[in-house]
N, C-alpha and C. Protein backbone atom coordinates (compact mmCIF):
# COMPACT_ATOMS: atom_id res chain seq x y z
N UNK A 1 266.64 26.13 -39.11
CA UNK A 1 265.38 26.22 -38.39
C UNK A 1 265.57 25.88 -36.90
N UNK A 2 266.25 24.76 -36.60
CA UNK A 2 266.48 24.37 -35.22
C UNK A 2 267.89 24.76 -34.80
N UNK A 3 268.02 25.25 -33.58
CA UNK A 3 269.34 25.58 -33.05
C UNK A 3 269.88 24.37 -32.30
N UNK A 4 271.19 24.19 -32.39
CA UNK A 4 271.81 23.11 -31.64
C UNK A 4 271.95 23.54 -30.19
N UNK A 5 271.64 22.65 -29.27
CA UNK A 5 271.70 22.95 -27.84
C UNK A 5 273.09 22.58 -27.33
N UNK A 6 273.69 23.46 -26.54
CA UNK A 6 275.01 23.19 -25.99
C UNK A 6 274.95 22.02 -25.01
N UNK A 7 276.09 21.39 -24.78
CA UNK A 7 276.15 20.26 -23.86
C UNK A 7 275.71 20.62 -22.45
N UNK A 8 276.11 21.80 -21.99
CA UNK A 8 275.75 22.24 -20.64
C UNK A 8 274.25 22.44 -20.52
N UNK A 9 273.66 23.08 -21.53
CA UNK A 9 272.21 23.30 -21.49
C UNK A 9 271.45 21.98 -21.57
N UNK A 10 271.94 21.05 -22.38
CA UNK A 10 271.30 19.74 -22.48
C UNK A 10 271.37 19.00 -21.15
N UNK A 11 272.50 19.11 -20.47
CA UNK A 11 272.65 18.46 -19.17
C UNK A 11 271.68 19.05 -18.14
N UNK A 12 271.57 20.36 -18.11
CA UNK A 12 270.64 21.03 -17.18
C UNK A 12 269.21 20.60 -17.47
N UNK A 13 268.84 20.57 -18.74
CA UNK A 13 267.49 20.16 -19.11
C UNK A 13 267.22 18.72 -18.71
N UNK A 14 268.18 17.83 -18.96
CA UNK A 14 267.96 16.42 -18.61
C UNK A 14 267.85 16.25 -17.10
N UNK A 15 268.63 17.00 -16.32
CA UNK A 15 268.51 16.92 -14.86
C UNK A 15 267.14 17.41 -14.39
N UNK A 16 266.63 18.46 -14.99
CA UNK A 16 265.31 18.95 -14.61
C UNK A 16 264.23 17.94 -14.96
N UNK A 17 264.37 17.30 -16.10
CA UNK A 17 263.39 16.29 -16.51
C UNK A 17 263.44 15.10 -15.56
N UNK A 18 264.66 14.70 -15.15
CA UNK A 18 264.79 13.55 -14.26
C UNK A 18 264.29 13.84 -12.85
N UNK A 19 264.12 15.10 -12.50
CA UNK A 19 263.57 15.45 -11.18
C UNK A 19 262.04 15.32 -11.13
N UNK A 20 261.41 15.12 -12.26
CA UNK A 20 259.94 15.05 -12.33
C UNK A 20 259.36 13.76 -11.73
N UNK A 21 259.91 12.58 -12.06
CA UNK A 21 259.30 11.34 -11.55
C UNK A 21 259.25 11.31 -10.02
N UNK A 22 258.18 10.71 -9.51
CA UNK A 22 257.97 10.68 -8.06
C UNK A 22 258.59 9.44 -7.41
N UNK A 23 258.74 8.36 -8.16
CA UNK A 23 259.29 7.15 -7.58
C UNK A 23 260.63 6.79 -8.24
N UNK A 24 261.42 5.99 -7.54
CA UNK A 24 262.71 5.55 -8.07
C UNK A 24 262.52 4.74 -9.35
N UNK A 25 261.48 3.91 -9.40
CA UNK A 25 261.21 3.12 -10.60
C UNK A 25 260.94 4.03 -11.81
N UNK A 26 260.12 5.07 -11.61
CA UNK A 26 259.82 6.00 -12.71
C UNK A 26 261.08 6.72 -13.17
N UNK A 27 261.91 7.12 -12.22
CA UNK A 27 263.16 7.82 -12.57
C UNK A 27 264.08 6.91 -13.38
N UNK A 28 264.24 5.68 -12.94
CA UNK A 28 265.13 4.74 -13.66
C UNK A 28 264.58 4.44 -15.05
N UNK A 29 263.28 4.32 -15.18
CA UNK A 29 262.68 4.08 -16.49
C UNK A 29 262.92 5.27 -17.42
N UNK A 30 262.78 6.47 -16.88
CA UNK A 30 263.02 7.67 -17.66
C UNK A 30 264.50 7.77 -18.05
N UNK A 31 265.40 7.46 -17.12
CA UNK A 31 266.84 7.47 -17.43
C UNK A 31 267.15 6.51 -18.56
N UNK A 32 266.57 5.32 -18.52
CA UNK A 32 266.81 4.33 -19.57
C UNK A 32 266.27 4.82 -20.91
N UNK A 33 265.11 5.43 -20.90
CA UNK A 33 264.53 5.96 -22.14
C UNK A 33 265.39 7.08 -22.71
N UNK A 34 265.86 7.98 -21.86
CA UNK A 34 266.72 9.07 -22.33
C UNK A 34 268.03 8.53 -22.88
N UNK A 35 268.57 7.50 -22.23
CA UNK A 35 269.81 6.91 -22.71
C UNK A 35 269.62 6.31 -24.11
N UNK A 36 268.52 5.62 -24.31
CA UNK A 36 268.24 5.04 -25.64
C UNK A 36 268.04 6.11 -26.69
N UNK A 37 267.41 7.21 -26.28
CA UNK A 37 267.19 8.32 -27.21
C UNK A 37 268.50 8.95 -27.64
N UNK A 38 269.43 9.09 -26.69
CA UNK A 38 270.72 9.72 -26.99
C UNK A 38 271.73 8.76 -27.60
N UNK A 39 271.48 7.45 -27.48
CA UNK A 39 272.42 6.45 -28.02
C UNK A 39 271.64 5.42 -28.83
N UNK A 40 271.09 5.82 -29.98
CA UNK A 40 270.22 4.90 -30.73
C UNK A 40 270.94 3.68 -31.27
N UNK A 41 272.25 3.71 -31.41
CA UNK A 41 272.99 2.56 -31.94
C UNK A 41 273.24 1.48 -30.92
N UNK A 42 273.05 1.77 -29.65
CA UNK A 42 273.32 0.79 -28.58
C UNK A 42 272.05 0.04 -28.22
N UNK A 43 272.25 -1.18 -27.74
CA UNK A 43 271.10 -1.99 -27.31
C UNK A 43 271.14 -2.17 -25.82
């Protein structure tokens, strides 16, 4: 049902998402959230 996204496409998508926040604080918060999403075993 779901297709696996290639690493390059995932990188492009994450860069586009990170360009959305207007402030540095919002960008860093989003980066931290994305990192936790991609690395659920890490604290």
